[in-house]
Amino acid sequence: MISQIFILAALAVVAFANLHHEPIHHAPQPYKFGYSVKDKHGEQHREEVGDGKNVQGSYGFTDARGIHRQVNYVADHSGFRAQVKTNEPGTANQNPAAVHMISDAPYGHGGYAGAAGLGPAGPGAIGLEYAGVGGAGLGYAVDGYGGYGLGNGLFV
C-alpha cells in the first residue's frame, strides 16, 4: 500500500512539473479596429491601426445640438501626439503639451452654458464653469475664477 502511494505521489510530481511553462512573448501583431454609433442623441466613433511599433487613430462625437470633437492621434518613437478639432464652447486655439488644439467655438466668458446662451441669467446667477488654461486658472471653478488651479497666484 505504501509503495502504491509513493508511486502515485511520484506520478503527481511529474505531472505537475510539466504544467509550469515559461511565458512565450510574441512580437506585437498588427491590428485594426473601429466602430461608429449613431442614435437620436448624436454620433460617436473610434478607429485605430497599429503595426506593432506605431499606432494611429481617431475618435470623436457629434451631439444633437451640433457640438463636435474630433481627435486624431499618433503614438510612435517620438511619443504621443494629438490634434483636437472642436467647436465646443469655452475652447480656444491653445496647444498645451503635445496636443494641437483647433477650436471653432465662439469666444465667451461663461463656460459651456454661458457661451451657448444657456442657463440662468441676471443678478445672483452663479454657474460652475471651466476656467480654461492661462491667466484665468486651470480647472473647474465657480464663476470662472480658477479655484485652486494654476494662474490664481498660488504657483506664480
Protein backbone atom coordinates (compact mmCIF):
# COMPACT_ATOMS: atom_id res chain seq x y z
CA MET A 1 0.00 0.00 0.00
CA ILE A 2 2.82 2.39 0.85
CA SER A 3 4.54 1.64 -2.44
CA GLN A 4 1.33 2.48 -4.34
CA ILE A 5 1.07 5.83 -2.54
CA PHE A 6 4.73 6.52 -3.28
CA ILE A 7 4.24 5.71 -7.00
CA LEU A 8 1.07 7.86 -7.12
CA ALA A 9 2.91 10.76 -5.46
CA ALA A 10 5.83 10.42 -7.88
CA LEU A 11 3.45 10.46 -10.86
CA ALA A 12 1.70 13.55 -9.45
CA VAL A 13 5.05 15.36 -9.10
CA VAL A 14 5.98 14.50 -12.69
CA ALA A 15 2.55 15.61 -13.96
CA PHE A 16 2.66 18.96 -12.12
CA ALA A 17 6.26 19.59 -13.19
CA ASN A 18 5.12 19.76 -16.82
CA LEU A 19 2.41 22.35 -16.03
CA HIS A 20 4.90 25.15 -15.36
CA HIS A 21 5.95 26.74 -18.65
CA GLU A 22 7.99 29.84 -19.22
CA PRO A 23 5.79 32.51 -20.80
CA ILE A 24 6.30 32.92 -24.50
CA HIS A 25 6.44 36.55 -25.55
CA HIS A 26 5.38 37.15 -29.12
CA ALA A 27 6.24 40.22 -31.14
CA PRO A 28 3.45 42.82 -31.32
CA GLN A 29 0.98 41.99 -34.05
CA PRO A 30 -0.56 44.48 -36.47
CA TYR A 31 -4.19 45.27 -35.75
CA LYS A 32 -7.04 47.46 -36.91
CA PHE A 33 -10.42 48.20 -35.34
CA GLY A 34 -13.15 50.77 -35.44
CA TYR A 35 -16.77 51.44 -34.65
CA SER A 36 -19.41 54.08 -35.14
CA VAL A 37 -22.61 54.52 -33.11
CA LYS A 38 -25.42 56.82 -34.23
CA ASP A 39 -28.65 57.44 -32.35
CA LYS A 40 -31.08 60.27 -31.59
CA HIS A 41 -28.55 61.88 -29.22
CA GLY A 42 -25.72 62.11 -31.74
CA GLU A 43 -22.81 60.06 -33.07
CA GLN A 44 -19.64 58.56 -31.58
CA HIS A 45 -16.82 56.87 -33.43
CA ARG A 46 -13.34 55.44 -32.97
CA GLU A 47 -10.77 53.95 -35.34
CA GLU A 48 -7.26 52.70 -34.60
CA VAL A 49 -4.49 50.99 -36.57
CA GLY A 50 -1.27 49.58 -35.13
CA ASP A 51 1.65 47.96 -36.94
CA GLY A 52 3.44 46.63 -33.86
CA LYS A 53 5.56 49.75 -33.33
CA ASN A 54 3.33 52.69 -34.25
CA VAL A 55 -0.32 53.48 -33.58
CA GLN A 56 -2.57 55.91 -35.44
CA GLY A 57 -6.17 56.57 -34.63
CA SER A 58 -9.03 58.93 -34.14
CA TYR A 59 -12.16 59.25 -32.08
CA GLY A 60 -14.88 61.78 -31.72
CA PHE A 61 -18.50 62.69 -31.28
CA THR A 62 -21.21 64.98 -32.55
CA ASP A 63 -24.18 65.64 -30.29
CA ALA A 64 -27.75 66.51 -31.23
CA ARG A 65 -27.01 70.27 -30.95
CA GLY A 66 -24.13 70.10 -33.43
CA ILE A 67 -21.31 70.28 -30.87
CA HIS A 68 -18.48 68.10 -32.12
CA ARG A 69 -14.96 66.96 -31.25
CA GLN A 70 -12.56 65.04 -33.47
CA VAL A 71 -9.26 63.78 -32.00
CA ASN A 72 -6.58 62.43 -34.35
CA TYR A 73 -3.57 60.88 -32.65
CA VAL A 74 -0.26 59.15 -33.35
CA ALA A 75 1.88 57.16 -30.92
CA ASP A 76 5.32 56.20 -32.22
CA HIS A 77 9.02 56.50 -31.38
CA SER A 78 8.54 60.28 -30.95
CA GLY A 79 5.83 59.83 -28.31
CA PHE A 80 2.11 60.55 -28.27
CA ARG A 81 0.79 63.45 -30.33
CA ALA A 82 -2.82 64.51 -30.73
CA GLN A 83 -4.75 67.06 -32.75
CA VAL A 84 -8.15 68.10 -31.40
CA LYS A 85 -10.70 69.79 -33.68
CA THR A 86 -13.80 71.08 -31.90
CA ASN A 87 -16.48 73.71 -31.79
CA GLU A 88 -17.17 73.18 -28.08
CA PRO A 89 -17.98 76.45 -26.31
CA GLY A 90 -15.25 77.58 -23.95
CA THR A 91 -12.39 76.21 -26.02
CA ALA A 92 -9.74 78.27 -27.76
CA ASN A 93 -6.83 77.68 -30.12
CA GLN A 94 -4.35 76.62 -27.46
CA ASN A 95 -1.67 73.97 -27.74
CA PRO A 96 -0.93 72.50 -24.30
CA ALA A 97 1.70 69.75 -24.09
CA ALA A 98 1.85 67.72 -27.30
CA VAL A 99 -1.74 68.46 -28.33
CA HIS A 100 -2.63 70.66 -31.28
CA MET A 101 -5.98 72.31 -30.46
CA ILE A 102 -8.11 73.75 -33.26
CA SER A 103 -11.30 75.39 -32.00
CA ASP A 104 -14.15 76.90 -33.98
CA ALA A 105 -16.02 77.87 -30.81
CA PRO A 106 -17.15 81.46 -30.40
CA TYR A 107 -15.15 83.19 -27.67
CA GLY A 108 -17.09 83.83 -24.50
CA HIS A 109 -16.69 84.08 -20.74
CA GLY A 110 -19.13 81.80 -19.09
CA GLY A 111 -18.07 78.26 -19.68
CA TYR A 112 -20.12 75.74 -21.57
CA ALA A 113 -23.58 77.06 -20.69
CA GLY A 114 -22.69 80.76 -20.90
CA ALA A 115 -21.10 80.62 -24.33
CA ALA A 116 -24.08 78.72 -25.71
CA GLY A 117 -26.53 81.19 -24.17
CA LEU A 118 -27.97 78.56 -21.83
CA GLY A 119 -28.51 78.57 -18.11
CA PRO A 120 -29.64 81.18 -15.57
CA ALA A 121 -29.01 84.87 -16.05
CA GLY A 122 -29.40 88.01 -14.04
CA PRO A 123 -28.33 89.12 -10.58
CA GLY A 124 -27.28 86.30 -8.31
CA ALA A 125 -26.93 83.72 -11.07
CA ILE A 126 -23.93 81.54 -10.27
CA GLY A 127 -22.70 78.80 -12.55
CA LEU A 128 -19.99 76.19 -12.39
CA GLU A 129 -17.60 76.94 -15.24
CA TYR A 130 -14.41 75.62 -16.74
CA ALA A 131 -11.77 78.28 -16.22
CA GLY A 132 -9.52 77.15 -19.04
CA VAL A 133 -5.73 77.31 -19.24
CA GLY A 134 -3.80 80.50 -18.71
CA GLY A 135 -4.34 83.58 -16.62
CA ALA A 136 -7.89 82.60 -15.66
CA GLY A 137 -6.75 79.40 -13.95
CA LEU A 138 -6.60 75.74 -14.77
CA GLY A 139 -9.56 73.71 -13.64
CA TYR A 140 -13.19 74.00 -12.67
CA ALA A 141 -14.40 76.85 -10.51
CA VAL A 142 -17.44 78.92 -9.65
CA ASP A 143 -17.79 81.96 -11.95
CA GLY A 144 -14.57 81.13 -13.83
CA TYR A 145 -12.16 82.42 -11.18
CA GLY A 146 -9.87 79.41 -11.36
CA GLY A 147 -10.34 77.97 -7.88
CA TYR A 148 -7.10 76.36 -6.71
CA GLY A 149 -5.78 75.92 -10.24
CA LEU A 150 -2.75 77.41 -11.90
CA GLY A 151 -2.88 81.11 -12.64
CA ASN A 152 -4.61 82.25 -9.45
CA GLY A 153 -1.40 83.39 -7.77
CA LEU A 154 -0.65 80.18 -5.87
CA PHE A 155 2.02 78.99 -8.30
CA VAL A 156 3.17 82.29 -9.82
